[in-house]
Amino acid sequence: MFPLKADDVSEIAGLEGLSPHGQDVLGNKQRMAARILFYSCMLDDPIKGPNRFASIIAVNPSMNRQMVTTKRMDVELRRMGLSFYIPKVLSESCAMNEENLEIKDKKEDCRGLVSQK
């Protein structure tokens, strides 16, 4: 069994904004997913499995940064009244839809200044 400590999970996922109960629930789900991924890597190739698992886990921070950057870019472009094509795979993975976006003032651009239209 692959041991994951609570500290490891909170560092990976950035759980600091959740309630303690929410952190426990999400942490348990992440530990379960990590164990399944580890077992899958080990079943596929017992010798290279741990390295493969580490490589997959190492991609997570980059993916999270890309998700945040893509969401911010989409919100700011919408505020400026510009349209920009974001591939479906990125918009789905970043949960970018009208319900999830909070655009308070469409006249305001990313620097807080009034856009010249």
PDB file of N, CA and C in Angstrom:
ATOM      1  N   MET A   1       0.848  -1.174   0.000  1.00  0.00           N
ATOM      2  CA  MET A   1       0.000   0.000   0.000  1.00  0.00           C
ATOM      3  C   MET A   1       0.893   1.237   0.000  1.00  0.00           C
ATOM      4  N   PHE A   2       0.518   2.225  -0.809  1.00  0.00           N
ATOM      5  CA  PHE A   2       1.303   3.451  -0.928  1.00  0.00           C
ATOM      6  C   PHE A   2       0.897   4.419   0.174  1.00  0.00           C
ATOM      7  N   PRO A   3       1.790   4.769   1.094  1.00  0.00           N
ATOM      8  CA  PRO A   3       1.421   5.665   2.194  1.00  0.00           C
ATOM      9  C   PRO A   3       1.482   7.135   1.774  1.00  0.00           C
ATOM     10  N   LEU A   4       0.391   7.833   1.978  1.00  0.00           N
ATOM     11  CA  LEU A   4       0.360   9.280   1.759  1.00  0.00           C
ATOM     12  C   LEU A   4      -0.011   9.928   3.081  1.00  0.00           C
ATOM     13  N   LYS A   5       0.787  10.862   3.510  1.00  0.00           N
ATOM     14  CA  LYS A   5       0.486  11.583   4.741  1.00  0.00           C
ATOM     15  C   LYS A   5      -0.452  12.748   4.420  1.00  0.00           C
ATOM     16  N   ALA A   6      -1.172  13.217   5.410  1.00  0.00           N
ATOM     17  CA  ALA A   6      -2.096  14.333   5.218  1.00  0.00           C
ATOM     18  C   ALA A   6      -1.362  15.572   4.719  1.00  0.00           C
ATOM     19  N   ASP A   7      -0.127  15.791   5.185  1.00  0.00           N
ATOM     20  CA  ASP A   7       0.646  16.953   4.736  1.00  0.00           C
ATOM     21  C   ASP A   7       0.929  16.888   3.245  1.00  0.00           C
ATOM     22  N   ASP A   8       1.224  15.688   2.745  1.00  0.00           N
ATOM     23  CA  ASP A   8       1.496  15.520   1.319  1.00  0.00           C
ATOM     24  C   ASP A   8       0.283  15.902   0.489  1.00  0.00           C
ATOM     25  N   VAL A   9      -0.891  15.458   0.924  1.00  0.00           N
ATOM     26  CA  VAL A   9      -2.106  15.719   0.164  1.00  0.00           C
ATOM     27  C   VAL A   9      -2.442  17.198   0.162  1.00  0.00           C
ATOM     28  N   SER A  10      -2.329  17.870   1.308  1.00  0.00           N
ATOM     29  CA  SER A  10      -2.674  19.288   1.343  1.00  0.00           C
ATOM     30  C   SER A  10      -1.699  20.111   0.515  1.00  0.00           C
ATOM     31  N   GLU A  11      -0.431  19.694   0.452  1.00  0.00           N
ATOM     32  CA  GLU A  11       0.527  20.405  -0.387  1.00  0.00           C
ATOM     33  C   GLU A  11       0.211  20.203  -1.857  1.00  0.00           C
ATOM     34  N   ILE A  12      -0.173  18.997  -2.228  1.00  0.00           N
ATOM     35  CA  ILE A  12      -0.475  18.700  -3.622  1.00  0.00           C
ATOM     36  C   ILE A  12      -1.701  19.476  -4.078  1.00  0.00           C
ATOM     37  N   ALA A  13      -2.742  19.493  -3.275  1.00  0.00           N
ATOM     38  CA  ALA A  13      -4.012  20.026  -3.737  1.00  0.00           C
ATOM     39  C   ALA A  13      -4.269  21.464  -3.344  1.00  0.00           C
ATOM     40  N   GLY A  14      -3.542  22.023  -2.412  1.00  0.00           N
ATOM     41  CA  GLY A  14      -3.820  23.379  -1.965  1.00  0.00           C
ATOM     42  C   GLY A  14      -5.167  23.454  -1.274  1.00  0.00           C
ATOM     43  N   LEU A  15      -5.348  22.703  -0.208  1.00  0.00           N
ATOM     44  CA  LEU A  15      -6.638  22.588   0.464  1.00  0.00           C
ATOM     45  C   LEU A  15      -6.877  23.659   1.510  1.00  0.00           C
ATOM     46  N   GLU A  16      -6.016  24.651   1.587  1.00  0.00           N
ATOM     47  CA  GLU A  16      -6.101  25.612   2.684  1.00  0.00           C
ATOM     48  C   GLU A  16      -7.397  26.421   2.703  1.00  0.00           C
ATOM     49  N   GLY A  17      -8.133  26.514   1.605  1.00  0.00           N
ATOM     50  CA  GLY A  17      -9.355  27.315   1.575  1.00  0.00           C
ATOM     51  C   GLY A  17     -10.592  26.565   2.030  1.00  0.00           C
ATOM     52  N   LEU A  18     -10.461  25.285   2.336  1.00  0.00           N
ATOM     53  CA  LEU A  18     -11.615  24.481   2.721  1.00  0.00           C
ATOM     54  C   LEU A  18     -11.731  24.354   4.232  1.00  0.00           C
ATOM     55  N   SER A  19     -12.943  24.021   4.673  1.00  0.00           N
ATOM     56  CA  SER A  19     -13.153  23.747   6.095  1.00  0.00           C
ATOM     57  C   SER A  19     -12.394  22.473   6.466  1.00  0.00           C
ATOM     58  N   PRO A  20     -12.153  22.256   7.759  1.00  0.00           N
ATOM     59  CA  PRO A  20     -11.460  21.022   8.159  1.00  0.00           C
ATOM     60  C   PRO A  20     -12.173  19.756   7.667  1.00  0.00           C
ATOM     61  N   HIS A  21     -13.506  19.758   7.739  1.00  0.00           N
ATOM     62  CA  HIS A  21     -14.254  18.592   7.255  1.00  0.00           C
ATOM     63  C   HIS A  21     -14.075  18.427   5.744  1.00  0.00           C
ATOM     64  N   GLY A  22     -14.137  19.528   5.016  1.00  0.00           N
ATOM     65  CA  GLY A  22     -13.932  19.480   3.566  1.00  0.00           C
ATOM     66  C   GLY A  22     -12.539  18.991   3.213  1.00  0.00           C
ATOM     67  N   GLN A  23     -11.552  19.424   3.982  1.00  0.00           N
ATOM     68  CA  GLN A  23     -10.181  18.959   3.757  1.00  0.00           C
ATOM     69  C   GLN A  23     -10.068  17.456   3.992  1.00  0.00           C
ATOM     70  N   ASP A  24     -10.738  16.966   5.040  1.00  0.00           N
ATOM     71  CA  ASP A  24     -10.709  15.523   5.316  1.00  0.00           C
ATOM     72  C   ASP A  24     -11.344  14.728   4.183  1.00  0.00           C
ATOM     73  N   VAL A  25     -12.517  15.170   3.748  1.00  0.00           N
ATOM     74  CA  VAL A  25     -13.226  14.454   2.683  1.00  0.00           C
ATOM     75  C   VAL A  25     -12.407  14.451   1.399  1.00  0.00           C
ATOM     76  N   LEU A  26     -11.955  15.629   0.983  1.00  0.00           N
ATOM     77  CA  LEU A  26     -11.181  15.715  -0.250  1.00  0.00           C
ATOM     78  C   LEU A  26      -9.840  15.003  -0.119  1.00  0.00           C
ATOM     79  N   GLY A  27      -9.208  15.118   1.028  1.00  0.00           N
ATOM     80  CA  GLY A  27      -7.943  14.427   1.260  1.00  0.00           C
ATOM     81  C   GLY A  27      -8.091  12.919   1.154  1.00  0.00           C
ATOM     82  N   ASN A  28      -9.186  12.383   1.714  1.00  0.00           N
ATOM     83  CA  ASN A  28      -9.434  10.938   1.617  1.00  0.00           C
ATOM     84  C   ASN A  28      -9.634  10.512   0.166  1.00  0.00           C
ATOM     85  N   LYS A  29     -10.374  11.299  -0.591  1.00  0.00           N
ATOM     86  CA  LYS A  29     -10.590  10.989  -2.014  1.00  0.00           C
ATOM     87  C   LYS A  29      -9.273  11.045  -2.786  1.00  0.00           C
ATOM     88  N   GLN A  30      -8.441  12.018  -2.472  1.00  0.00           N
ATOM     89  CA  GLN A  30      -7.157  12.132  -3.166  1.00  0.00           C
ATOM     90  C   GLN A  30      -6.226  10.978  -2.808  1.00  0.00           C
ATOM     91  N   ARG A  31      -6.217  10.582  -1.553  1.00  0.00           N
ATOM     92  CA  ARG A  31      -5.390   9.443  -1.159  1.00  0.00           C
ATOM     93  C   ARG A  31      -5.853   8.173  -1.871  1.00  0.00           C
ATOM     94  N   MET A  32      -7.176   8.001  -1.968  1.00  0.00           N
ATOM     95  CA  MET A  32      -7.713   6.837  -2.650  1.00  0.00           C
ATOM     96  C   MET A  32      -7.320   6.862  -4.140  1.00  0.00           C
ATOM     97  N   ALA A  33      -7.441   8.017  -4.774  1.00  0.00           N
ATOM     98  CA  ALA A  33      -7.069   8.143  -6.185  1.00  0.00           C
ATOM     99  C   ALA A  33      -5.572   7.905  -6.379  1.00  0.00           C
ATOM    100  N   ALA A  34      -4.753   8.405  -5.457  1.00  0.00           N
ATOM    101  CA  ALA A  34      -3.304   8.204  -5.555  1.00  0.00           C
ATOM    102  C   ALA A  34      -2.950   6.725  -5.412  1.00  0.00           C
ATOM    103  N   ARG A  35      -3.623   6.038  -4.498  1.00  0.00           N
ATOM    104  CA  ARG A  35      -3.360   4.599  -4.337  1.00  0.00           C
ATOM    105  C   ARG A  35      -3.737   3.827  -5.596  1.00  0.00           C
ATOM    106  N   ILE A  36      -4.892   4.157  -6.174  1.00  0.00           N
ATOM    107  CA  ILE A  36      -5.324   3.482  -7.399  1.00  0.00           C
ATOM    108  C   ILE A  36      -4.332   3.740  -8.523  1.00  0.00           C
ATOM    109  N   LEU A  37      -3.892   4.974  -8.660  1.00  0.00           N
ATOM    110  CA  LEU A  37      -2.908   5.305  -9.695  1.00  0.00           C
ATOM    111  C   LEU A  37      -1.601   4.552  -9.459  1.00  0.00           C
ATOM    112  N   PHE A  38      -1.153   4.500  -8.215  1.00  0.00           N
ATOM    113  CA  PHE A  38       0.082   3.782  -7.899  1.00  0.00           C
ATOM    114  C   PHE A  38      -0.048   2.293  -8.224  1.00  0.00           C
ATOM    115  N   TYR A  39      -1.162   1.693  -7.803  1.00  0.00           N
ATOM    116  CA  TYR A  39      -1.368   0.272  -8.098  1.00  0.00           C
ATOM    117  C   TYR A  39      -1.421   0.027  -9.600  1.00  0.00           C
ATOM    118  N   SER A  40      -2.064   0.917 -10.320  1.00  0.00           N
ATOM    119  CA  SER A  40      -2.134   0.784 -11.778  1.00  0.00           C
ATOM    120  C   SER A  40      -0.740   0.832 -12.400  1.00  0.00           C
ATOM    121  N   CYS A  41       0.073   1.769 -11.939  1.00  0.00           N
ATOM    122  CA  CYS A  41       1.453   1.866 -12.445  1.00  0.00           C
ATOM    123  C   CYS A  41       2.247   0.606 -12.111  1.00  0.00           C
ATOM    124  N   MET A  42       2.043   0.074 -10.916  1.00  0.00           N
ATOM    125  CA  MET A  42       2.770  -1.130 -10.507  1.00  0.00           C
ATOM    126  C   MET A  42       2.302  -2.368 -11.264  1.00  0.00           C
ATOM    127  N   LEU A  43       1.011  -2.458 -11.560  1.00  0.00           N
ATOM    128  CA  LEU A  43       0.505  -3.596 -12.327  1.00  0.00           C
ATOM    129  C   LEU A  43       1.014  -3.564 -13.759  1.00  0.00           C
ATOM    130  N   ASP A  44       1.089  -2.369 -14.313  1.00  0.00           N
ATOM    131  CA  ASP A  44       1.544  -2.218 -15.695  1.00  0.00           C
ATOM    132  C   ASP A  44       3.014  -2.602 -15.839  1.00  0.00           C
ATOM    133  N   ASP A  45       3.855  -2.130 -14.928  1.00  0.00           N
ATOM    134  CA  ASP A  45       5.291  -2.428 -14.986  1.00  0.00           C
ATOM    135  C   ASP A  45       5.854  -2.336 -13.568  1.00  0.00           C
ATOM    136  N   PRO A  46       6.001  -3.483 -12.895  1.00  0.00           N
ATOM    137  CA  PRO A  46       6.462  -3.465 -11.500  1.00  0.00           C
ATOM    138  C   PRO A  46       7.835  -2.823 -11.293  1.00  0.00           C
ATOM    139  N   ILE A  47       8.685  -2.852 -12.299  1.00  0.00           N
ATOM    140  CA  ILE A  47      10.028  -2.288 -12.138  1.00  0.00           C
ATOM    141  C   ILE A  47      10.013  -0.771 -12.305  1.00  0.00           C
ATOM    142  N   LYS A  48       9.350  -0.294 -13.340  1.00  0.00           N
ATOM    143  CA  LYS A  48       9.330   1.148 -13.617  1.00  0.00           C
ATOM    144  C   LYS A  48       8.091   1.844 -13.051  1.00  0.00           C
ATOM    145  N   GLY A  49       7.215   1.098 -12.391  1.00  0.00           N
ATOM    146  CA  GLY A  49       5.972   1.652 -11.862  1.00  0.00           C
ATOM    147  C   GLY A  49       6.145   2.842 -10.932  1.00  0.00           C
ATOM    148  N   PRO A  50       7.038   2.755  -9.930  1.00  0.00           N
ATOM    149  CA  PRO A  50       7.201   3.904  -9.026  1.00  0.00           C
ATOM    150  C   PRO A  50       7.675   5.174  -9.742  1.00  0.00           C
ATOM    151  N   ASN A  51       8.579   5.016 -10.717  1.00  0.00           N
ATOM    152  CA  ASN A  51       9.035   6.193 -11.471  1.00  0.00           C
ATOM    153  C   ASN A  51       7.910   6.775 -12.311  1.00  0.00           C
ATOM    154  N   ARG A  52       7.104   5.912 -12.902  1.00  0.00           N
ATOM    155  CA  ARG A  52       5.968   6.380 -13.708  1.00  0.00           C
ATOM    156  C   ARG A  52       4.976   7.131 -12.818  1.00  0.00           C
ATOM    157  N   PHE A  53       4.699   6.584 -11.647  1.00  0.00           N
ATOM    158  CA  PHE A  53       3.792   7.232 -10.703  1.00  0.00           C
ATOM    159  C   PHE A  53       4.315   8.618 -10.324  1.00  0.00           C
ATOM    160  N   ALA A  54       5.598   8.698 -10.002  1.00  0.00           N
ATOM    161  CA  ALA A  54       6.196   9.989  -9.630  1.00  0.00           C
ATOM    162  C   ALA A  54       6.129  10.978 -10.786  1.00  0.00           C
ATOM    163  N   SER A  55       6.325  10.510 -12.008  1.00  0.00           N
ATOM    164  CA  SER A  55       6.252  11.396 -13.179  1.00  0.00           C
ATOM    165  C   SER A  55       4.846  11.954 -13.361  1.00  0.00           C
ATOM    166  N   ILE A  56       3.849  11.107 -13.168  1.00  0.00           N
ATOM    167  CA  ILE A  56       2.457  11.556 -13.314  1.00  0.00           C
ATOM    168  C   ILE A  56       2.114  12.568 -12.228  1.00  0.00           C
ATOM    169  N   ILE A  57       2.483  12.280 -10.984  1.00  0.00           N
ATOM    170  CA  ILE A  57       2.199  13.193  -9.870  1.00  0.00           C
ATOM    171  C   ILE A  57       2.936  14.520 -10.052  1.00  0.00           C
ATOM    172  N   ALA A  58       4.130  14.485 -10.620  1.00  0.00           N
ATOM    173  CA  ALA A  58       4.921  15.709 -10.807  1.00  0.00           C
ATOM    174  C   ALA A  58       4.268  16.674 -11.787  1.00  0.00           C
ATOM    175  N   VAL A  59       3.401  16.189 -12.656  1.00  0.00           N
ATOM    176  CA  VAL A  59       2.727  17.039 -13.638  1.00  0.00           C
ATOM    177  C   VAL A  59       1.612  17.865 -12.986  1.00  0.00           C
ATOM    178  N   ASN A  60       1.099  17.423 -11.855  1.00  0.00           N
ATOM    179  CA  ASN A  60      -0.049  18.061 -11.215  1.00  0.00           C
ATOM    180  C   ASN A  60       0.122  19.560 -10.959  1.00  0.00           C
ATOM    181  N   PRO A  61       1.221  20.037 -10.373  1.00  0.00           N
ATOM    182  CA  PRO A  61       1.349  21.483 -10.154  1.00  0.00           C
ATOM    183  C   PRO A  61       1.316  22.289 -11.456  1.00  0.00           C
ATOM    184  N   SER A  62       1.921  21.754 -12.498  1.00  0.00           N
ATOM    185  CA  SER A  62       1.901  22.453 -13.790  1.00  0.00           C
ATOM    186  C   SER A  62       0.487  22.524 -14.345  1.00  0.00           C
ATOM    187  N   MET A  63      -0.250  21.445 -14.223  1.00  0.00           N
ATOM    188  CA  MET A  63      -1.633  21.429 -14.710  1.00  0.00           C
ATOM    189  C   MET A  63      -2.495  22.407 -13.916  1.00  0.00           C
ATOM    190  N   ASN A  64      -2.298  22.461 -12.607  1.00  0.00           N
ATOM    191  CA  ASN A  64      -3.067  23.401 -11.789  1.00  0.00           C
ATOM    192  C   ASN A  64      -2.744  24.848 -12.153  1.00  0.00           C
ATOM    193  N   ARG A  65      -1.460  25.156 -12.380  1.00  0.00           N
ATOM    194  CA  ARG A  65      -1.081  26.514 -12.796  1.00  0.00           C
ATOM    195  C   ARG A  65      -1.705  26.865 -14.139  1.00  0.00           C
ATOM    196  N   GLN A  66      -1.695  25.919 -15.073  1.00  0.00           N
ATOM    197  CA  GLN A  66      -2.284  26.162 -16.388  1.00  0.00           C
ATOM    198  C   GLN A  66      -3.784  26.398 -16.273  1.00  0.00           C
ATOM    199  N   MET A  67      -4.455  25.645 -15.399  1.00  0.00           N
ATOM    200  CA  MET A  67      -5.886  25.817 -15.212  1.00  0.00           C
ATOM    201  C   MET A  67      -6.195  27.219 -14.688  1.00  0.00           C
ATOM    202  N   VAL A  68      -5.458  27.661 -13.676  1.00  0.00           N
ATOM    203  CA  VAL A  68      -5.677  28.987 -13.094  1.00  0.00           C
ATOM    204  C   VAL A  68      -5.395  30.078 -14.126  1.00  0.00           C
ATOM    205  N   THR A  69      -4.313  29.941 -14.867  1.00  0.00           N
ATOM    206  CA  THR A  69      -3.954  30.928 -15.887  1.00  0.00           C
ATOM    207  C   THR A  69      -5.021  31.011 -16.968  1.00  0.00           C
ATOM    208  N   THR A  70      -5.509  29.870 -17.417  1.00  0.00           N
ATOM    209  CA  THR A  70      -6.533  29.848 -18.462  1.00  0.00           C
ATOM    210  C   THR A  70      -7.824  30.475 -17.969  1.00  0.00           C
ATOM    211  N   LYS A  71      -8.225  30.182 -16.739  1.00  0.00           N
ATOM    212  CA  LYS A  71      -9.440  30.781 -16.184  1.00  0.00           C
ATOM    213  C   LYS A  71      -9.305  32.302 -16.089  1.00  0.00           C
ATOM    214  N   ARG A  72      -8.165  32.773 -15.569  1.00  0.00           N
ATOM    215  CA  ARG A  72      -7.951  34.220 -15.436  1.00  0.00           C
ATOM    216  C   ARG A  72      -7.973  34.903 -16.796  1.00  0.00           C
ATOM    217  N   MET A  73      -7.310  34.295 -17.772  1.00  0.00           N
ATOM    218  CA  MET A  73      -7.276  34.873 -19.110  1.00  0.00           C
ATOM    219  C   MET A  73      -8.687  34.966 -19.689  1.00  0.00           C
ATOM    220  N   ASP A  74      -9.479  33.930 -19.520  1.00  0.00           N
ATOM    221  CA  ASP A  74     -10.842  33.931 -20.041  1.00  0.00           C
ATOM    222  C   ASP A  74     -11.683  35.024 -19.392  1.00  0.00           C
ATOM    223  N   VAL A  75     -11.583  35.149 -18.075  1.00  0.00           N
ATOM    224  CA  VAL A  75     -12.356  36.176 -17.362  1.00  0.00           C
ATOM    225  C   VAL A  75     -11.951  37.573 -17.819  1.00  0.00           C
ATOM    226  N   GLU A  76     -10.655  37.833 -17.902  1.00  0.00           N
ATOM    227  CA  GLU A  76     -10.190  39.170 -18.281  1.00  0.00           C
ATOM    228  C   GLU A  76     -10.552  39.506 -19.725  1.00  0.00           C
ATOM    229  N   LEU A  77     -10.450  38.552 -20.618  1.00  0.00           N
ATOM    230  CA  LEU A  77     -10.834  38.813 -22.008  1.00  0.00           C
ATOM    231  C   LEU A  77     -12.326  39.089 -22.113  1.00  0.00           C
ATOM    232  N   ARG A  78     -13.134  38.378 -21.342  1.00  0.00           N
ATOM    233  CA  ARG A  78     -14.580  38.647 -21.345  1.00  0.00           C
ATOM    234  C   ARG A  78     -14.878  40.031 -20.768  1.00  0.00           C
ATOM    235  N   ARG A  79     -14.150  40.421 -19.738  1.00  0.00           N
ATOM    236  CA  ARG A  79     -14.352  41.759 -19.162  1.00  0.00           C
ATOM    237  C   ARG A  79     -14.054  42.849 -20.172  1.00  0.00           C
ATOM    238  N   MET A  80     -13.064  42.605 -21.011  1.00  0.00           N
ATOM    239  CA  MET A  80     -12.684  43.594 -22.017  1.00  0.00           C
ATOM    240  C   MET A  80     -13.557  43.507 -23.261  1.00  0.00           C
ATOM    241  N   GLY A  81     -14.486  42.573 -23.270  1.00  0.00           N
ATOM    242  CA  GLY A  81     -15.372  42.439 -24.411  1.00  0.00           C
ATOM    243  C   GLY A  81     -14.716  41.776 -25.609  1.00  0.00           C
ATOM    244  N   LEU A  82     -13.630  41.076 -25.383  1.00  0.00           N
ATOM    245  CA  LEU A  82     -12.932  40.397 -26.468  1.00  0.00           C
ATOM    246  C   LEU A  82     -13.322  38.927 -26.485  1.00  0.00           C
ATOM    247  N   SER A  83     -13.302  38.360 -27.656  1.00  0.00           N
ATOM    248  CA  SER A  83     -13.544  36.924 -27.729  1.00  0.00           C
ATOM    249  C   SER A  83     -12.228  36.240 -28.065  1.00  0.00           C
ATOM    250  N   PHE A  84     -12.075  35.063 -27.546  1.00  0.00           N
ATOM    251  CA  PHE A  84     -10.844  34.311 -27.733  1.00  0.00           C
ATOM    252  C   PHE A  84     -11.214  32.843 -27.734  1.00  0.00           C
ATOM    253  N   TYR A  85     -10.697  32.111 -28.687  1.00  0.00           N
ATOM    254  CA  TYR A  85     -11.011  30.688 -28.759  1.00  0.00           C
ATOM    255  C   TYR A  85     -10.172  29.920 -27.747  1.00  0.00           C
ATOM    256  N   ILE A  86     -10.858  29.205 -26.877  1.00  0.00           N
ATOM    257  CA  ILE A  86     -10.190  28.312 -25.939  1.00  0.00           C
ATOM    258  C   ILE A  86     -10.691  26.908 -26.266  1.00  0.00           C
ATOM    259  N   PRO A  87      -9.796  25.993 -26.612  1.00  0.00           N
ATOM    260  CA  PRO A  87     -10.220  24.644 -26.992  1.00  0.00           C
ATOM    261  C   PRO A  87     -11.108  24.004 -25.931  1.00  0.00           C
ATOM    262  N   LYS A  88     -12.021  23.169 -26.402  1.00  0.00           N
ATOM    263  CA  LYS A  88     -12.978  22.531 -25.509  1.00  0.00           C
ATOM    264  C   LYS A  88     -12.293  21.755 -24.383  1.00  0.00           C
ATOM    265  N   VAL A  89     -11.200  21.100 -24.695  1.00  0.00           N
ATOM    266  CA  VAL A  89     -10.516  20.313 -23.666  1.00  0.00           C
ATOM    267  C   VAL A  89     -10.039  21.201 -22.517  1.00  0.00           C
ATOM    268  N   LEU A  90      -9.595  22.429 -22.807  1.00  0.00           N
ATOM    269  CA  LEU A  90      -9.176  23.346 -21.746  1.00  0.00           C
ATOM    270  C   LEU A  90     -10.373  23.929 -21.019  1.00  0.00           C
ATOM    271  N   SER A  91     -11.419  24.305 -21.758  1.00  0.00           N
ATOM    272  CA  SER A  91     -12.573  24.912 -21.103  1.00  0.00           C
ATOM    273  C   SER A  91     -13.280  23.912 -20.201  1.00  0.00           C
ATOM    274  N   GLU A  92     -13.340  22.644 -20.610  1.00  0.00           N
ATOM    275  CA  GLU A  92     -13.966  21.632 -19.756  1.00  0.00           C
ATOM    276  C   GLU A  92     -13.117  21.344 -18.525  1.00  0.00           C
ATOM    277  N   SER A  93     -11.811  21.217 -18.715  1.00  0.00           N
ATOM    278  CA  SER A  93     -10.958  20.887 -17.572  1.00  0.00           C
ATOM    279  C   SER A  93     -10.866  22.038 -16.579  1.00  0.00           C
ATOM    280  N   CYS A  94     -11.067  23.259 -17.046  1.00  0.00           N
ATOM    281  CA  CYS A  94     -11.018  24.422 -16.155  1.00  0.00           C
ATOM    282  C   CYS A  94     -12.401  24.820 -15.673  1.00  0.00           C
ATOM    283  N   ALA A  95     -13.431  24.069 -16.042  1.00  0.00           N
ATOM    284  CA  ALA A  95     -14.819  24.346 -15.663  1.00  0.00           C
ATOM    285  C   ALA A  95     -15.207  25.768 -16.026  1.00  0.00           C
ATOM    286  N   MET A  96     -14.882  26.175 -17.248  1.00  0.00           N
ATOM    287  CA  MET A  96     -15.195  27.531 -17.689  1.00  0.00           C
ATOM    288  C   MET A  96     -16.537  27.522 -18.417  1.00  0.00           C
ATOM    289  N   ASN A  97     -17.555  27.977 -17.724  1.00  0.00           N
ATOM    290  CA  ASN A  97     -18.852  28.192 -18.343  1.00  0.00           C
ATOM    291  C   ASN A  97     -19.475  29.409 -17.689  1.00  0.00           C
ATOM    292  N   GLU A  98     -20.594  29.833 -18.193  1.00  0.00           N
ATOM    293  CA  GLU A  98     -21.192  31.087 -17.720  1.00  0.00           C
ATOM    294  C   GLU A  98     -21.523  31.047 -16.226  1.00  0.00           C
ATOM    295  N   GLU A  99     -21.935  29.892 -15.708  1.00  0.00           N
ATOM    296  CA  GLU A  99     -22.317  29.818 -14.296  1.00  0.00           C
ATOM    297  C   GLU A  99     -21.119  29.988 -13.367  1.00  0.00           C
ATOM    298  N   ASN A 100     -19.932  29.547 -13.810  1.00  0.00           N
ATOM    299  CA  ASN A 100     -18.751  29.586 -12.946  1.00  0.00           C
ATOM    300  C   ASN A 100     -17.970  30.888 -13.029  1.00  0.00           C
ATOM    301  N   LEU A 101     -18.297  31.744 -13.975  1.00  0.00           N
ATOM    302  CA  LEU A 101     -17.547  32.985 -14.135  1.00  0.00           C
ATOM    303  C   LEU A 101     -18.287  34.126 -13.457  1.00  0.00           C
ATOM    304  N   GLU A 102     -17.573  34.897 -12.691  1.00  0.00           N
ATOM    305  CA  GLU A 102     -18.162  36.058 -12.046  1.00  0.00           C
ATOM    306  C   GLU A 102     -17.539  37.299 -12.656  1.00  0.00           C
ATOM    307  N   ILE A 103     -18.280  37.932 -13.540  1.00  0.00           N
ATOM    308  CA  ILE A 103     -17.804  39.157 -14.166  1.00  0.00           C
ATOM    309  C   ILE A 103     -18.665  40.280 -13.603  1.00  0.00           C
ATOM    310  N   LYS A 104     -18.068  41.097 -12.757  1.00  0.00           N
ATOM    311  CA  LYS A 104     -18.832  42.123 -12.060  1.00  0.00           C
ATOM    312  C   LYS A 104     -19.014  43.374 -12.907  1.00  0.00           C
ATOM    313  N   ASP A 105     -17.986  43.808 -13.580  1.00  0.00           N
ATOM    314  CA  ASP A 105     -18.061  45.025 -14.372  1.00  0.00           C
ATOM    315  C   ASP A 105     -17.400  44.767 -15.719  1.00  0.00           C
ATOM    316  N   LYS A 106     -18.209  44.665 -16.760  1.00  0.00           N
ATOM    317  CA  LYS A 106     -17.667  44.340 -18.078  1.00  0.00           C
ATOM    318  C   LYS A 106     -16.863  45.483 -18.674  1.00  0.00           C
ATOM    319  N   LYS A 107     -16.980  46.688 -18.133  1.00  0.00           N
ATOM    320  CA  LYS A 107     -16.229  47.820 -18.666  1.00  0.00           C
ATOM    321  C   LYS A 107     -14.819  47.882 -18.097  1.00  0.00           C
ATOM    322  N   GLU A 108     -14.546  47.071 -17.121  1.00  0.00           N
ATOM    323  CA  GLU A 108     -13.256  47.126 -16.454  1.00  0.00           C
ATOM    324  C   GLU A 108     -12.297  46.123 -17.091  1.00  0.00           C
ATOM    325  N   ASP A 109     -11.089  46.549 -17.386  1.00  0.00           N
ATOM    326  CA  ASP A 109     -10.133  45.597 -17.958  1.00  0.00           C
ATOM    327  C   ASP A 109      -9.283  45.001 -16.844  1.00  0.00           C
ATOM    328  N   CYS A 110      -8.261  44.252 -17.210  1.00  0.00           N
ATOM    329  CA  CYS A 110      -7.488  43.507 -16.217  1.00  0.00           C
ATOM    330  C   CYS A 110      -6.695  44.399 -15.273  1.00  0.00           C
ATOM    331  N   ARG A 111      -6.506  45.653 -15.590  1.00  0.00           N
ATOM    332  CA  ARG A 111      -5.767  46.549 -14.698  1.00  0.00           C
ATOM    333  C   ARG A 111      -6.715  47.415 -13.868  1.00  0.00           C
ATOM    334  N   GLY A 112      -8.023  47.171 -13.997  1.00  0.00           N
ATOM    335  CA  GLY A 112      -8.978  47.950 -13.231  1.00  0.00           C
ATOM    336  C   GLY A 112      -9.315  49.281 -13.873  1.00  0.00           C
ATOM    337  N   LEU A 113      -8.869  49.510 -15.093  1.00  0.00           N
ATOM    338  CA  LEU A 113      -9.147  50.751 -15.796  1.00  0.00           C
ATOM    339  C   LEU A 113     -10.341  50.562 -16.717  1.00  0.00           C
ATOM    340  N   VAL A 114     -10.985  51.655 -17.072  1.00  0.00           N
ATOM    341  CA  VAL A 114     -12.117  51.572 -17.990  1.00  0.00           C
ATOM    342  C   VAL A 114     -11.591  51.324 -19.392  1.00  0.00           C
ATOM    343  N   SER A 115     -12.169  50.339 -20.070  1.00  0.00           N
ATOM    344  CA  SER A 115     -11.734  50.002 -21.429  1.00  0.00           C
ATOM    345  C   SER A 115     -12.142  51.086 -22.407  1.00  0.00           C
ATOM    346  N   GLN A 116     -11.324  51.288 -23.393  1.00  0.00           N
ATOM    347  CA  GLN A 116     -11.640  52.206 -24.481  1.00  0.00           C
ATOM    348  C   GLN A 116     -12.281  51.399 -25.590  1.00  0.00           C
ATOM    349  N   LYS A 117     -13.579  51.555 -25.801  1.00  0.00           N
ATOM    350  CA  LYS A 117     -14.276  50.794 -26.841  1.00  0.00           C
ATOM    351  C   LYS A 117     -14.710  51.694 -27.954  1.00  0.00           C
TER     352      LYS A 117
END
